[in-house]
Amino acid sequence: MATVSIFDQQKNEVGNMDLAPDVFEVEVRPEILHLAVRAQLAAKRAGTHSTKTRNTVRGGGRKPWRQKGTGRARAGSTRSPLWRGGAVTFGPQPRDYEFKVNRKVRRLALKMALSSRLSENRLMILSGIDLPEIKTKDFIRVAKDLGLGKTLIVFKDAANSLLLSARNVPGIKLLSADKLNVYDILHYPQLVMLEGAARDVQERLK
């Protein structure tokens, strides 16, 4: 069982926390992480791309010239895919890109993502971030004290002052514990979890 330090917002050690090995010390398998990320990104795709077929393109109802005797190739419509302004052959149509990943595999991928951040020493547990008022510069000062760069901050119950102060800081994303996902963990090099969120995630994934 791994034991990690808990820091305050000035990066002073204020305690310790035991992390469950079946959540934070899982063997990382890249193919499982890849599958989970692919499924998450595919589900975000709108899939609204569309092209018009001969059924839907406007016009072309009249035969442009008679069948024989003109010396030109026969033609039945000006909206043939061969003509300018005509239909599109085998063009993209609206579709759903989402595909299913079993619940056990999704949970396993989330454990692997958390384990990778712990093994790389990129996981920090904070007792909390307390900002007296909504000011971006106050949050930036806290981030500087903690040495945060491109960071994902996971919270359980965050004060409105923290959410509003951090929302415009480049490279910082705040995410509630119940929305924690593989893509965001892997996308941000640093992972910061407030103590309540870390305990909540650990209990949920056990």
N, C-alpha and C. Protein backbone atom coordinates (compact mmCIF):
# COMPACT_ATOMS: atom_id res chain seq x y z
N MET A 1 0.84 -1.19 0.00
CA MET A 1 0.00 0.00 0.00
C MET A 1 0.87 1.25 0.00
N ALA A 2 0.62 2.12 -0.96
CA ALA A 2 1.41 3.35 -1.07
C ALA A 2 0.90 4.40 -0.09
N THR A 3 1.82 5.10 0.53
CA THR A 3 1.47 6.20 1.43
C THR A 3 2.01 7.48 0.83
N VAL A 4 1.12 8.45 0.61
CA VAL A 4 1.54 9.71 0.00
C VAL A 4 1.29 10.84 0.99
N SER A 5 2.05 11.91 0.81
CA SER A 5 1.91 13.08 1.67
C SER A 5 0.72 13.93 1.24
N ILE A 6 0.09 14.57 2.21
CA ILE A 6 -0.97 15.54 1.95
C ILE A 6 -0.39 16.93 2.20
N PHE A 7 -0.55 17.83 1.24
CA PHE A 7 0.00 19.17 1.33
C PHE A 7 -1.12 20.20 1.47
N ASP A 8 -0.77 21.34 2.06
CA ASP A 8 -1.71 22.46 2.03
C ASP A 8 -1.40 23.31 0.80
N GLN A 9 -2.08 24.43 0.64
CA GLN A 9 -1.91 25.21 -0.59
C GLN A 9 -0.60 26.00 -0.63
N GLN A 10 0.16 26.00 0.46
CA GLN A 10 1.51 26.57 0.45
C GLN A 10 2.57 25.49 0.26
N LYS A 11 2.14 24.28 -0.01
CA LYS A 11 2.97 23.10 -0.22
C LYS A 11 3.72 22.69 1.06
N ASN A 12 3.07 22.89 2.19
CA ASN A 12 3.58 22.38 3.45
C ASN A 12 2.90 21.04 3.74
N GLU A 13 3.70 20.05 4.16
CA GLU A 13 3.13 18.74 4.44
C GLU A 13 2.30 18.80 5.72
N VAL A 14 1.05 18.34 5.61
CA VAL A 14 0.14 18.42 6.77
C VAL A 14 -0.40 17.05 7.18
N GLY A 15 -0.01 16.01 6.49
CA GLY A 15 -0.49 14.67 6.85
C GLY A 15 -0.12 13.64 5.80
N ASN A 16 -0.66 12.44 5.98
CA ASN A 16 -0.40 11.33 5.05
C ASN A 16 -1.72 10.65 4.69
N MET A 17 -1.68 9.95 3.56
CA MET A 17 -2.86 9.21 3.13
C MET A 17 -2.43 7.89 2.51
N ASP A 18 -3.11 6.82 2.91
CA ASP A 18 -2.83 5.49 2.34
C ASP A 18 -3.70 5.30 1.10
N LEU A 19 -3.04 4.90 0.01
CA LEU A 19 -3.76 4.67 -1.24
C LEU A 19 -3.91 3.17 -1.48
N ALA A 20 -5.10 2.76 -1.81
CA ALA A 20 -5.39 1.33 -2.03
C ALA A 20 -4.61 0.82 -3.23
N PRO A 21 -3.88 -0.29 -3.07
CA PRO A 21 -3.09 -0.82 -4.18
C PRO A 21 -3.94 -1.29 -5.35
N ASP A 22 -5.19 -1.72 -5.09
CA ASP A 22 -6.04 -2.19 -6.20
C ASP A 22 -6.66 -1.03 -6.98
N VAL A 23 -6.34 0.21 -6.59
CA VAL A 23 -6.79 1.39 -7.35
C VAL A 23 -5.61 2.18 -7.89
N PHE A 24 -4.57 2.34 -7.09
CA PHE A 24 -3.45 3.21 -7.47
C PHE A 24 -2.16 2.46 -7.79
N GLU A 25 -2.18 1.14 -7.72
CA GLU A 25 -0.97 0.38 -8.05
C GLU A 25 -1.31 -0.76 -9.01
N VAL A 26 -2.13 -0.46 -10.00
CA VAL A 26 -2.53 -1.45 -10.99
C VAL A 26 -1.52 -1.44 -12.14
N GLU A 27 -1.21 -2.62 -12.66
CA GLU A 27 -0.29 -2.71 -13.79
C GLU A 27 -0.89 -2.01 -15.01
N VAL A 28 -0.12 -1.12 -15.61
CA VAL A 28 -0.62 -0.32 -16.73
C VAL A 28 -0.47 -1.09 -18.04
N ARG A 29 -1.59 -1.21 -18.75
CA ARG A 29 -1.59 -1.85 -20.07
C ARG A 29 -2.02 -0.81 -21.11
N PRO A 30 -1.11 -0.39 -21.97
CA PRO A 30 -1.41 0.69 -22.92
C PRO A 30 -2.62 0.41 -23.81
N GLU A 31 -2.84 -0.85 -24.17
CA GLU A 31 -3.95 -1.16 -25.07
C GLU A 31 -5.31 -0.88 -24.40
N ILE A 32 -5.38 -1.06 -23.07
CA ILE A 32 -6.63 -0.78 -22.36
C ILE A 32 -6.86 0.73 -22.29
N LEU A 33 -5.80 1.49 -22.00
CA LEU A 33 -5.92 2.95 -21.97
C LEU A 33 -6.29 3.49 -23.35
N HIS A 34 -5.69 2.93 -24.38
CA HIS A 34 -5.97 3.37 -25.75
C HIS A 34 -7.43 3.13 -26.10
N LEU A 35 -7.95 1.97 -25.73
CA LEU A 35 -9.35 1.65 -26.01
C LEU A 35 -10.29 2.63 -25.30
N ALA A 36 -10.00 2.93 -24.04
CA ALA A 36 -10.86 3.82 -23.27
C ALA A 36 -10.84 5.24 -23.84
N VAL A 37 -9.66 5.72 -24.21
CA VAL A 37 -9.54 7.08 -24.78
C VAL A 37 -10.25 7.14 -26.14
N ARG A 38 -10.06 6.11 -26.95
CA ARG A 38 -10.70 6.08 -28.27
C ARG A 38 -12.22 6.11 -28.15
N ALA A 39 -12.74 5.34 -27.20
CA ALA A 39 -14.19 5.30 -26.98
C ALA A 39 -14.71 6.66 -26.51
N GLN A 40 -13.96 7.31 -25.63
CA GLN A 40 -14.39 8.60 -25.09
C GLN A 40 -14.40 9.67 -26.18
N LEU A 41 -13.35 9.70 -27.02
CA LEU A 41 -13.29 10.70 -28.08
C LEU A 41 -14.33 10.42 -29.17
N ALA A 42 -14.57 9.13 -29.44
CA ALA A 42 -15.57 8.78 -30.45
C ALA A 42 -16.96 9.21 -30.01
N ALA A 43 -17.26 9.08 -28.71
CA ALA A 43 -18.57 9.46 -28.20
C ALA A 43 -18.80 10.96 -28.29
N LYS A 44 -17.72 11.74 -28.33
CA LYS A 44 -17.85 13.20 -28.42
C LYS A 44 -18.13 13.69 -29.83
N ARG A 45 -17.89 12.85 -30.83
CA ARG A 45 -18.05 13.28 -32.22
C ARG A 45 -19.52 13.52 -32.54
N ALA A 46 -19.80 14.61 -33.21
CA ALA A 46 -21.19 14.94 -33.52
C ALA A 46 -21.75 14.01 -34.59
N GLY A 47 -20.92 13.67 -35.57
CA GLY A 47 -21.38 12.77 -36.63
C GLY A 47 -22.47 13.39 -37.50
N THR A 48 -22.47 14.71 -37.64
CA THR A 48 -23.52 15.39 -38.40
C THR A 48 -23.11 15.69 -39.84
N HIS A 49 -21.95 15.21 -40.27
CA HIS A 49 -21.50 15.46 -41.64
C HIS A 49 -22.48 14.80 -42.62
N SER A 50 -22.71 15.47 -43.74
CA SER A 50 -23.69 14.95 -44.69
C SER A 50 -23.41 15.48 -46.09
N THR A 51 -23.69 14.65 -47.09
CA THR A 51 -23.63 15.08 -48.49
C THR A 51 -24.93 14.66 -49.17
N LYS A 52 -25.28 15.32 -50.27
CA LYS A 52 -26.54 15.03 -50.95
C LYS A 52 -26.36 13.95 -52.02
N THR A 53 -27.29 13.03 -52.01
CA THR A 53 -27.32 11.98 -53.03
C THR A 53 -28.23 12.43 -54.16
N ARG A 54 -28.41 11.59 -55.16
CA ARG A 54 -29.30 11.94 -56.28
C ARG A 54 -30.74 12.10 -55.82
N ASN A 55 -31.05 11.48 -54.71
CA ASN A 55 -32.40 11.59 -54.15
C ASN A 55 -32.67 12.97 -53.58
N THR A 56 -31.65 13.59 -53.00
CA THR A 56 -31.85 14.82 -52.22
C THR A 56 -31.36 16.09 -52.90
N VAL A 57 -30.49 15.99 -53.93
CA VAL A 57 -29.98 17.19 -54.59
C VAL A 57 -31.10 17.85 -55.40
N ARG A 58 -31.12 19.17 -55.40
CA ARG A 58 -32.22 19.91 -56.04
C ARG A 58 -32.04 19.96 -57.56
N GLY A 59 -33.14 19.83 -58.30
CA GLY A 59 -33.13 19.98 -59.75
C GLY A 59 -32.88 18.65 -60.46
N GLY A 60 -32.65 18.77 -61.78
CA GLY A 60 -32.31 17.59 -62.57
C GLY A 60 -33.49 16.74 -62.97
N GLY A 61 -34.69 17.27 -62.87
CA GLY A 61 -35.86 16.46 -63.21
C GLY A 61 -36.05 16.25 -64.70
N ARG A 62 -35.63 17.22 -65.51
CA ARG A 62 -35.84 17.12 -66.97
C ARG A 62 -34.62 16.52 -67.64
N LYS A 63 -34.86 15.67 -68.61
CA LYS A 63 -33.76 15.11 -69.40
C LYS A 63 -33.11 16.23 -70.20
N PRO A 64 -31.78 16.42 -70.08
CA PRO A 64 -31.15 17.61 -70.69
C PRO A 64 -31.22 17.64 -72.22
N TRP A 65 -31.16 16.52 -72.89
CA TRP A 65 -31.33 16.46 -74.35
C TRP A 65 -31.85 15.08 -74.73
N ARG A 66 -32.28 14.97 -75.95
CA ARG A 66 -32.87 13.70 -76.37
C ARG A 66 -31.83 12.59 -76.37
N GLN A 67 -32.32 11.38 -76.33
CA GLN A 67 -31.44 10.22 -76.14
C GLN A 67 -30.47 10.05 -77.32
N LYS A 68 -30.98 10.17 -78.55
CA LYS A 68 -30.15 9.87 -79.73
C LYS A 68 -30.10 11.05 -80.69
N GLY A 69 -29.07 11.01 -81.51
CA GLY A 69 -29.04 11.95 -82.62
C GLY A 69 -28.28 13.24 -82.39
N THR A 70 -27.80 13.48 -81.17
CA THR A 70 -27.09 14.75 -80.93
C THR A 70 -25.59 14.59 -81.07
N GLY A 71 -25.10 13.38 -81.06
CA GLY A 71 -23.66 13.14 -81.10
C GLY A 71 -23.02 13.18 -79.72
N ARG A 72 -23.79 13.55 -78.74
CA ARG A 72 -23.25 13.60 -77.36
C ARG A 72 -23.64 12.34 -76.60
N ALA A 73 -22.96 12.12 -75.50
CA ALA A 73 -23.28 10.96 -74.68
C ALA A 73 -24.68 11.12 -74.11
N ARG A 74 -25.37 10.01 -73.94
CA ARG A 74 -26.73 10.07 -73.39
C ARG A 74 -26.69 10.56 -71.95
N ALA A 75 -27.69 11.31 -71.56
CA ALA A 75 -27.77 11.86 -70.21
C ALA A 75 -29.22 11.91 -69.79
N GLY A 76 -29.48 11.52 -68.55
CA GLY A 76 -30.85 11.50 -68.05
C GLY A 76 -31.12 12.61 -67.06
N SER A 77 -30.07 13.22 -66.49
CA SER A 77 -30.27 14.25 -65.48
C SER A 77 -29.03 15.13 -65.39
N THR A 78 -29.23 16.39 -65.08
CA THR A 78 -28.09 17.30 -64.88
C THR A 78 -27.52 17.17 -63.48
N ARG A 79 -28.13 16.32 -62.66
CA ARG A 79 -27.65 16.14 -61.29
C ARG A 79 -26.93 14.81 -61.10
N SER A 80 -26.47 14.24 -62.20
CA SER A 80 -25.64 13.03 -62.12
C SER A 80 -24.35 13.35 -61.37
N PRO A 81 -23.78 12.39 -60.65
CA PRO A 81 -22.51 12.64 -59.95
C PRO A 81 -21.37 13.03 -60.89
N LEU A 82 -21.55 12.78 -62.18
CA LEU A 82 -20.50 13.14 -63.15
C LEU A 82 -20.55 14.61 -63.53
N TRP A 83 -21.66 15.26 -63.22
CA TRP A 83 -21.85 16.65 -63.63
C TRP A 83 -21.51 17.60 -62.49
N ARG A 84 -21.05 18.79 -62.90
CA ARG A 84 -20.85 19.85 -61.93
C ARG A 84 -22.21 20.25 -61.35
N GLY A 85 -22.28 20.38 -60.03
CA GLY A 85 -23.56 20.69 -59.38
C GLY A 85 -24.40 19.47 -59.14
N GLY A 86 -23.84 18.31 -59.45
CA GLY A 86 -24.60 17.08 -59.27
C GLY A 86 -24.43 16.49 -57.87
N ALA A 87 -24.93 15.28 -57.72
CA ALA A 87 -24.89 14.60 -56.43
C ALA A 87 -23.47 14.10 -56.13
N VAL A 88 -23.29 13.58 -54.91
CA VAL A 88 -22.01 13.02 -54.48
C VAL A 88 -22.16 11.51 -54.34
N THR A 89 -21.23 10.79 -54.90
CA THR A 89 -21.27 9.33 -54.82
C THR A 89 -20.55 8.85 -53.57
N PHE A 90 -21.20 8.04 -52.76
CA PHE A 90 -20.62 7.46 -51.55
C PHE A 90 -20.05 8.50 -50.60
N GLY A 91 -20.71 9.66 -50.51
CA GLY A 91 -20.27 10.71 -49.59
C GLY A 91 -20.63 10.39 -48.16
N PRO A 92 -20.06 11.11 -47.20
CA PRO A 92 -20.36 10.85 -45.79
C PRO A 92 -21.81 11.16 -45.46
N GLN A 93 -22.41 10.36 -44.59
CA GLN A 93 -23.78 10.54 -44.14
C GLN A 93 -23.78 10.61 -42.61
N PRO A 94 -24.80 11.23 -42.01
CA PRO A 94 -24.85 11.30 -40.54
C PRO A 94 -24.77 9.91 -39.91
N ARG A 95 -23.96 9.80 -38.87
CA ARG A 95 -23.79 8.52 -38.21
C ARG A 95 -23.34 8.73 -36.77
N ASP A 96 -23.49 7.69 -35.97
CA ASP A 96 -23.08 7.72 -34.57
C ASP A 96 -21.77 6.94 -34.46
N TYR A 97 -20.73 7.61 -33.96
CA TYR A 97 -19.41 6.97 -33.86
C TYR A 97 -19.21 6.21 -32.55
N GLU A 98 -20.14 6.35 -31.64
CA GLU A 98 -19.97 5.76 -30.31
C GLU A 98 -19.93 4.23 -30.38
N PHE A 99 -19.05 3.64 -29.58
CA PHE A 99 -19.03 2.18 -29.46
C PHE A 99 -18.89 1.80 -27.99
N LYS A 100 -19.36 0.61 -27.69
CA LYS A 100 -19.46 0.20 -26.29
C LYS A 100 -18.14 -0.34 -25.76
N VAL A 101 -17.81 0.06 -24.54
CA VAL A 101 -16.70 -0.54 -23.79
C VAL A 101 -17.29 -1.04 -22.48
N ASN A 102 -17.03 -2.27 -22.15
CA ASN A 102 -17.62 -2.85 -20.95
C ASN A 102 -17.27 -2.04 -19.70
N ARG A 103 -18.20 -2.04 -18.76
CA ARG A 103 -18.03 -1.24 -17.53
C ARG A 103 -16.77 -1.63 -16.78
N LYS A 104 -16.48 -2.93 -16.70
CA LYS A 104 -15.29 -3.39 -15.99
C LYS A 104 -14.02 -2.88 -16.65
N VAL A 105 -14.02 -2.83 -17.97
CA VAL A 105 -12.85 -2.35 -18.71
C VAL A 105 -12.67 -0.84 -18.48
N ARG A 106 -13.79 -0.09 -18.45
CA ARG A 106 -13.71 1.35 -18.20
C ARG A 106 -13.15 1.63 -16.80
N ARG A 107 -13.61 0.87 -15.82
CA ARG A 107 -13.10 1.04 -14.45
C ARG A 107 -11.62 0.68 -14.37
N LEU A 108 -11.24 -0.39 -15.06
CA LEU A 108 -9.85 -0.81 -15.06
C LEU A 108 -8.96 0.24 -15.71
N ALA A 109 -9.43 0.84 -16.80
CA ALA A 109 -8.65 1.88 -17.48
C ALA A 109 -8.46 3.09 -16.57
N LEU A 110 -9.50 3.45 -15.81
CA LEU A 110 -9.40 4.58 -14.89
C LEU A 110 -8.38 4.29 -13.79
N LYS A 111 -8.38 3.07 -13.28
CA LYS A 111 -7.40 2.69 -12.26
C LYS A 111 -5.98 2.74 -12.84
N MET A 112 -5.82 2.29 -14.08
CA MET A 112 -4.50 2.30 -14.73
C MET A 112 -4.01 3.74 -14.93
N ALA A 113 -4.91 4.64 -15.31
CA ALA A 113 -4.51 6.03 -15.51
C ALA A 113 -4.06 6.65 -14.19
N LEU A 114 -4.79 6.39 -13.10
CA LEU A 114 -4.39 6.89 -11.79
C LEU A 114 -3.06 6.27 -11.35
N SER A 115 -2.90 4.98 -11.61
CA SER A 115 -1.66 4.28 -11.23
C SER A 115 -0.46 4.85 -11.98
N SER A 116 -0.67 5.20 -13.25
CA SER A 116 0.45 5.74 -14.03
C SER A 116 0.90 7.09 -13.47
N ARG A 117 -0.05 7.91 -13.03
CA ARG A 117 0.33 9.21 -12.47
C ARG A 117 1.06 9.03 -11.13
N LEU A 118 0.64 8.05 -10.33
CA LEU A 118 1.33 7.81 -9.06
C LEU A 118 2.73 7.27 -9.29
N SER A 119 2.87 6.33 -10.21
CA SER A 119 4.19 5.72 -10.46
C SER A 119 5.17 6.73 -11.06
N GLU A 120 4.65 7.73 -11.78
CA GLU A 120 5.51 8.76 -12.37
C GLU A 120 5.74 9.93 -11.42
N ASN A 121 5.22 9.82 -10.20
CA ASN A 121 5.35 10.87 -9.18
C ASN A 121 4.72 12.18 -9.66
N ARG A 122 3.59 12.06 -10.35
CA ARG A 122 2.88 13.23 -10.86
C ARG A 122 1.51 13.38 -10.20
N LEU A 123 1.33 12.74 -9.07
CA LEU A 123 0.08 12.84 -8.33
C LEU A 123 0.32 13.59 -7.03
N MET A 124 -0.47 14.62 -6.77
CA MET A 124 -0.35 15.40 -5.54
C MET A 124 -1.71 15.45 -4.85
N ILE A 125 -1.71 15.20 -3.54
CA ILE A 125 -2.93 15.29 -2.75
C ILE A 125 -2.89 16.57 -1.93
N LEU A 126 -3.93 17.37 -2.02
CA LEU A 126 -4.01 18.63 -1.27
C LEU A 126 -5.13 18.55 -0.23
N SER A 127 -4.88 19.15 0.91
CA SER A 127 -5.93 19.20 1.93
C SER A 127 -7.07 20.09 1.48
N GLY A 128 -6.78 21.04 0.61
CA GLY A 128 -7.81 21.93 0.09
C GLY A 128 -7.19 23.19 -0.49
N ILE A 129 -7.96 23.93 -1.23
CA ILE A 129 -7.55 25.23 -1.75
C ILE A 129 -8.59 26.24 -1.31
N ASP A 130 -8.19 27.14 -0.46
CA ASP A 130 -9.12 28.12 0.11
C ASP A 130 -8.78 29.51 -0.40
N LEU A 131 -9.69 30.08 -1.18
CA LEU A 131 -9.51 31.44 -1.69
C LEU A 131 -10.58 32.33 -1.06
N PRO A 132 -10.17 33.42 -0.41
CA PRO A 132 -11.15 34.26 0.30
C PRO A 132 -12.12 34.97 -0.63
N GLU A 133 -11.70 35.23 -1.87
CA GLU A 133 -12.59 35.91 -2.81
C GLU A 133 -12.30 35.43 -4.22
N ILE A 134 -13.14 35.82 -5.15
CA ILE A 134 -12.98 35.39 -6.54
C ILE A 134 -11.97 36.30 -7.23
N LYS A 135 -10.74 35.82 -7.30
CA LYS A 135 -9.67 36.58 -7.96
C LYS A 135 -8.73 35.60 -8.64
N THR A 136 -8.58 35.78 -9.94
CA THR A 136 -7.71 34.88 -10.71
C THR A 136 -6.27 34.96 -10.22
N LYS A 137 -5.81 36.16 -9.88
CA LYS A 137 -4.41 36.31 -9.46
C LYS A 137 -4.14 35.58 -8.15
N ASP A 138 -5.17 35.45 -7.29
CA ASP A 138 -4.99 34.69 -6.04
C ASP A 138 -4.77 33.22 -6.35
N PHE A 139 -5.54 32.69 -7.32
CA PHE A 139 -5.34 31.28 -7.70
C PHE A 139 -4.00 31.08 -8.37
N ILE A 140 -3.60 32.03 -9.20
CA ILE A 140 -2.29 31.92 -9.88
C ILE A 140 -1.17 31.89 -8.85
N ARG A 141 -1.30 32.66 -7.79
CA ARG A 141 -0.27 32.65 -6.75
C ARG A 141 -0.21 31.28 -6.06
N VAL A 142 -1.38 30.69 -5.79
CA VAL A 142 -1.41 29.35 -5.19
C VAL A 142 -0.79 28.32 -6.14
N ALA A 143 -1.13 28.41 -7.42
CA ALA A 143 -0.58 27.49 -8.42
C ALA A 143 0.93 27.61 -8.51
N LYS A 144 1.43 28.83 -8.39
CA LYS A 144 2.88 29.05 -8.43
C LYS A 144 3.55 28.45 -7.19
N ASP A 145 2.93 28.61 -6.02
CA ASP A 145 3.47 28.03 -4.78
C ASP A 145 3.54 26.50 -4.87
N LEU A 146 2.54 25.91 -5.54
CA LEU A 146 2.49 24.45 -5.67
C LEU A 146 3.32 23.93 -6.84
N GLY A 147 3.79 24.84 -7.69
CA GLY A 147 4.59 24.43 -8.85
C GLY A 147 3.76 23.77 -9.93
N LEU A 148 2.55 24.27 -10.14
CA LEU A 148 1.65 23.65 -11.11
C LEU A 148 1.88 24.21 -12.50
N GLY A 149 1.90 23.30 -13.48
CA GLY A 149 1.95 23.70 -14.87
C GLY A 149 0.62 23.35 -15.52
N LYS A 150 0.69 22.47 -16.51
CA LYS A 150 -0.53 21.97 -17.13
C LYS A 150 -1.11 20.90 -16.21
N THR A 151 -2.20 21.21 -15.53
CA THR A 151 -2.64 20.40 -14.40
C THR A 151 -4.15 20.16 -14.42
N LEU A 152 -4.52 18.95 -14.03
CA LEU A 152 -5.92 18.60 -13.79
C LEU A 152 -6.14 18.58 -12.28
N ILE A 153 -7.09 19.39 -11.81
CA ILE A 153 -7.41 19.45 -10.38
C ILE A 153 -8.77 18.80 -10.16
N VAL A 154 -8.79 17.77 -9.33
CA VAL A 154 -10.02 17.01 -9.08
C VAL A 154 -10.55 17.37 -7.70
N PHE A 155 -11.81 17.74 -7.63
CA PHE A 155 -12.42 18.15 -6.36
C PHE A 155 -13.71 17.37 -6.13
N LYS A 156 -14.15 17.36 -4.88
CA LYS A 156 -15.45 16.77 -4.56
C LYS A 156 -16.47 17.87 -4.32
N ASP A 157 -16.17 18.75 -3.40
CA ASP A 157 -17.05 19.90 -3.12
C ASP A 157 -16.17 21.14 -3.11
N ALA A 158 -16.11 21.84 -4.25
CA ALA A 158 -15.25 23.02 -4.35
C ALA A 158 -16.06 24.29 -4.13
N ALA A 159 -15.43 25.26 -3.49
CA ALA A 159 -16.09 26.55 -3.28
C ALA A 159 -16.21 27.28 -4.61
N ASN A 160 -17.23 28.11 -4.70
CA ASN A 160 -17.46 28.87 -5.92
C ASN A 160 -16.28 29.79 -6.23
N SER A 161 -15.62 30.27 -5.20
CA SER A 161 -14.48 31.18 -5.41
C SER A 161 -13.34 30.46 -6.14
N LEU A 162 -13.14 29.19 -5.83
CA LEU A 162 -12.08 28.42 -6.50
C LEU A 162 -12.46 28.15 -7.96
N LEU A 163 -13.69 27.73 -8.20
CA LEU A 163 -14.12 27.41 -9.56
C LEU A 163 -14.04 28.62 -10.48
N LEU A 164 -14.48 29.77 -9.98
CA LEU A 164 -14.50 30.97 -10.82
C LEU A 164 -13.12 31.59 -10.97
N SER A 165 -12.26 31.45 -9.95
CA SER A 165 -10.92 32.04 -10.01
C SER A 165 -10.01 31.25 -10.96
N ALA A 166 -10.27 29.95 -11.11
CA ALA A 166 -9.36 29.11 -11.90
C ALA A 166 -9.83 28.88 -13.33
N ARG A 167 -11.04 29.30 -13.66
CA ARG A 167 -11.61 28.89 -14.95
C ARG A 167 -10.92 29.52 -16.16
N ASN A 168 -10.26 30.67 -15.97
CA ASN A 168 -9.61 31.33 -17.11
C ASN A 168 -8.09 31.17 -17.12
N VAL A 169 -7.57 30.32 -16.24
CA VAL A 169 -6.12 30.13 -16.18
C VAL A 169 -5.70 29.09 -17.23
N PRO A 170 -4.85 29.46 -18.17
CA PRO A 170 -4.44 28.51 -19.23
C PRO A 170 -3.75 27.28 -18.64
N GLY A 171 -4.10 26.12 -19.15
CA GLY A 171 -3.44 24.89 -18.75
C GLY A 171 -3.98 24.28 -17.48
N ILE A 172 -4.99 24.90 -16.86
CA ILE A 172 -5.58 24.37 -15.62
C ILE A 172 -7.01 23.95 -15.90
N LYS A 173 -7.37 22.77 -15.48
CA LYS A 173 -8.76 22.31 -15.60
C LYS A 173 -9.23 21.76 -14.27
N LEU A 174 -10.40 22.19 -13.82
CA LEU A 174 -11.01 21.67 -12.60
C LEU A 174 -12.12 20.69 -12.99
N LEU A 175 -12.15 19.56 -12.31
CA LEU A 175 -13.09 18.50 -12.66
C LEU A 175 -13.60 17.86 -11.38
N SER A 176 -14.91 17.64 -11.30
CA SER A 176 -15.46 17.00 -10.11
C SER A 176 -15.13 15.51 -10.12
N ALA A 177 -15.05 14.92 -8.94
CA ALA A 177 -14.61 13.52 -8.81
C ALA A 177 -15.52 12.55 -9.55
N ASP A 178 -16.81 12.85 -9.60
CA ASP A 178 -17.74 11.94 -10.26
C ASP A 178 -17.64 11.99 -11.78
N LYS A 179 -16.90 12.98 -12.32
CA LYS A 179 -16.71 13.07 -13.77
C LYS A 179 -15.28 12.73 -14.19
N LEU A 180 -14.51 12.18 -13.27
CA LEU A 180 -13.12 11.82 -13.57
C LEU A 180 -13.08 10.79 -14.69
N ASN A 181 -12.19 11.00 -15.65
CA ASN A 181 -12.12 10.11 -16.81
C ASN A 181 -10.68 9.91 -17.26
N VAL A 182 -10.47 8.89 -18.06
CA VAL A 182 -9.13 8.49 -18.49
C VAL A 182 -8.48 9.56 -19.37
N TYR A 183 -9.25 10.11 -20.30
CA TYR A 183 -8.68 11.07 -21.25
C TYR A 183 -8.08 12.28 -20.54
N ASP A 184 -8.85 12.88 -19.60
CA ASP A 184 -8.36 14.07 -18.92
C ASP A 184 -7.14 13.76 -18.05
N ILE A 185 -7.12 12.60 -17.41
CA ILE A 185 -5.96 12.24 -16.58
C ILE A 185 -4.70 12.15 -17.44
N LEU A 186 -4.82 11.52 -18.61
CA LEU A 186 -3.66 11.34 -19.48
C LEU A 186 -3.30 12.62 -20.24
N HIS A 187 -4.29 13.48 -20.46
CA HIS A 187 -4.05 14.70 -21.23
C HIS A 187 -3.24 15.72 -20.43
N TYR A 188 -3.42 15.74 -19.12
CA TYR A 188 -2.71 16.70 -18.27
C TYR A 188 -1.55 16.01 -17.56
N PRO A 189 -0.32 16.51 -17.74
CA PRO A 189 0.85 15.85 -17.14
C PRO A 189 0.80 15.76 -15.61
N GLN A 190 0.17 16.73 -14.96
CA GLN A 190 0.09 16.73 -13.50
C GLN A 190 -1.35 16.49 -13.05
N LEU A 191 -1.49 15.69 -12.00
CA LEU A 191 -2.80 15.41 -11.43
C LEU A 191 -2.80 15.84 -9.96
N VAL A 192 -3.69 16.75 -9.62
CA VAL A 192 -3.85 17.21 -8.24
C VAL A 192 -5.25 16.80 -7.78
N MET A 193 -5.30 16.10 -6.65
CA MET A 193 -6.59 15.68 -6.11
C MET A 193 -6.76 16.27 -4.72
N LEU A 194 -7.86 16.96 -4.51
CA LEU A 194 -8.16 17.42 -3.16
C LEU A 194 -8.49 16.18 -2.31
N GLU A 195 -8.20 16.26 -1.03
CA GLU A 195 -8.28 15.08 -0.16
C GLU A 195 -9.64 14.40 -0.23
N GLY A 196 -10.71 15.18 -0.19
CA GLY A 196 -12.05 14.60 -0.25
C GLY A 196 -12.29 13.85 -1.55
N ALA A 197 -11.80 14.41 -2.66
CA ALA A 197 -11.98 13.77 -3.96
C ALA A 197 -11.19 12.47 -4.04
N ALA A 198 -9.96 12.48 -3.51
CA ALA A 198 -9.12 11.28 -3.54
C ALA A 198 -9.78 10.15 -2.76
N ARG A 199 -10.33 10.45 -1.61
CA ARG A 199 -11.01 9.40 -0.80
C ARG A 199 -12.27 8.92 -1.51
N ASP A 200 -12.99 9.84 -2.13
CA ASP A 200 -14.21 9.47 -2.82
C ASP A 200 -13.93 8.55 -4.02
N VAL A 201 -12.92 8.91 -4.82
CA VAL A 201 -12.54 8.09 -5.99
C VAL A 201 -12.04 6.71 -5.55
N GLN A 202 -11.26 6.69 -4.49
CA GLN A 202 -10.72 5.43 -3.99
C GLN A 202 -11.84 4.50 -3.53
N GLU A 203 -12.81 5.03 -2.81
CA GLU A 203 -13.93 4.21 -2.32
C GLU A 203 -14.78 3.71 -3.49
N ARG A 204 -14.96 4.57 -4.48
CA ARG A 204 -15.81 4.22 -5.61
C ARG A 204 -15.20 3.14 -6.50
N LEU A 205 -13.87 3.13 -6.62
CA LEU A 205 -13.20 2.20 -7.53
C LEU A 205 -12.73 0.91 -6.86
N LYS A 206 -12.84 0.82 -5.55
CA LYS A 206 -12.39 -0.38 -4.86
C LYS A 206 -13.17 -1.61 -5.31
